[in-house]
Amino acid sequence: VELENIASGEMSRYRIVGPDETDAQRGWISIDSPLARALLKKRIDDEFSVELPGGITQFALVDVSYAS
C-alpha cells in the first residue's frame, strides 16, 4: 500500500505480511499491526487516523497493489 501522511505530505509504501515475515527496514508490516488493521475496508482516497508509537497520525490511502 502507498500512504500519504496528511500532516507532512510524506509518502510511504508498506507491504502487509504475516506476523512471521515482518521487516521494518523493508517496510514489511504485520497484518496484526495497528496500521495494517486500520487499513481494513479502506479504499483509495480514504482518510483515516491510527494510533502509532509517536501518537495519532492521519493518513490518506493513495494506492493498493498486489505482489506475489
Protein backbone atom coordinates (compact mmCIF):
# COMPACT_ATOMS: atom_id res chain seq x y z
CA VAL A 1 0.00 0.00 0.00
CA GLU A 2 1.07 3.60 -0.50
CA LEU A 3 0.06 6.14 2.12
CA GLU A 4 0.33 9.89 2.45
CA ASN A 5 0.85 11.40 5.89
CA ILE A 6 -1.73 14.19 5.80
CA ALA A 7 0.16 16.50 8.18
CA SER A 8 3.56 16.29 6.48
CA GLY A 9 2.66 15.24 2.94
CA GLU A 10 5.26 12.46 3.22
CA MET A 11 4.58 9.37 1.12
CA SER A 12 5.28 5.84 2.44
CA ARG A 13 4.99 2.35 0.96
CA TYR A 14 4.30 -0.72 3.07
CA ARG A 15 3.89 -4.38 2.34
CA ILE A 16 1.42 -6.15 4.60
CA VAL A 17 2.68 -9.61 5.51
CA GLY A 18 2.10 -12.39 8.00
CA PRO A 19 3.38 -11.90 11.57
CA ASP A 20 6.44 -14.09 10.97
CA GLU A 21 7.57 -12.12 7.87
CA THR A 22 7.80 -8.59 9.28
CA ASP A 23 10.84 -6.49 8.38
CA ALA A 24 10.58 -2.84 9.38
CA GLN A 25 13.63 -1.80 7.34
CA ARG A 26 11.99 -3.13 4.19
CA GLY A 27 8.61 -1.60 5.05
CA TRP A 28 7.01 -5.01 5.66
CA ILE A 29 4.41 -4.71 8.40
CA SER A 30 2.37 -7.43 10.07
CA ILE A 31 -1.32 -7.77 9.32
CA ASP A 32 -1.69 -7.58 13.11
CA SER A 33 -0.05 -4.14 13.35
CA PRO A 34 -2.19 -1.11 14.21
CA LEU A 35 -1.52 0.45 10.80
CA ALA A 36 -2.50 -2.65 8.83
CA ARG A 37 -5.61 -3.15 10.95
CA ALA A 38 -6.60 0.49 10.35
CA LEU A 39 -6.39 -0.14 6.60
CA LEU A 40 -9.05 -2.85 6.65
CA LYS A 41 -12.03 -1.92 4.44
CA LYS A 42 -10.38 1.31 3.27
CA ARG A 43 -10.47 2.39 -0.37
CA ILE A 44 -8.16 4.60 -2.39
CA ASP A 45 -8.54 8.27 -1.34
CA ASP A 46 -9.97 7.33 2.08
CA GLU A 47 -8.50 9.24 5.01
CA PHE A 48 -8.08 7.58 8.38
CA SER A 49 -6.39 8.02 11.76
CA VAL A 50 -4.29 5.46 13.57
CA GLU A 51 -2.54 5.49 16.93
CA LEU A 52 1.15 4.81 16.36
CA PRO A 53 4.02 4.86 18.89
CA GLY A 54 4.59 8.55 18.01
CA GLY A 55 0.93 9.46 18.56
CA ILE A 56 -2.22 9.61 16.48
CA THR A 57 -1.40 10.06 12.80
CA GLN A 58 -3.70 10.78 9.88
CA PHE A 59 -3.12 9.13 6.53
CA ALA A 60 -4.70 9.04 3.11
CA LEU A 61 -4.68 5.77 1.17
CA VAL A 62 -3.05 6.56 -2.18
CA ASP A 63 -2.56 3.15 -3.83
CA VAL A 64 -3.06 -0.56 -3.28
CA SER A 65 -1.15 -3.12 -5.31
CA TYR A 66 -0.66 -6.86 -5.12
CA ALA A 67 2.73 -8.52 -5.42
CA SER A 68 3.21 -12.25 -5.18
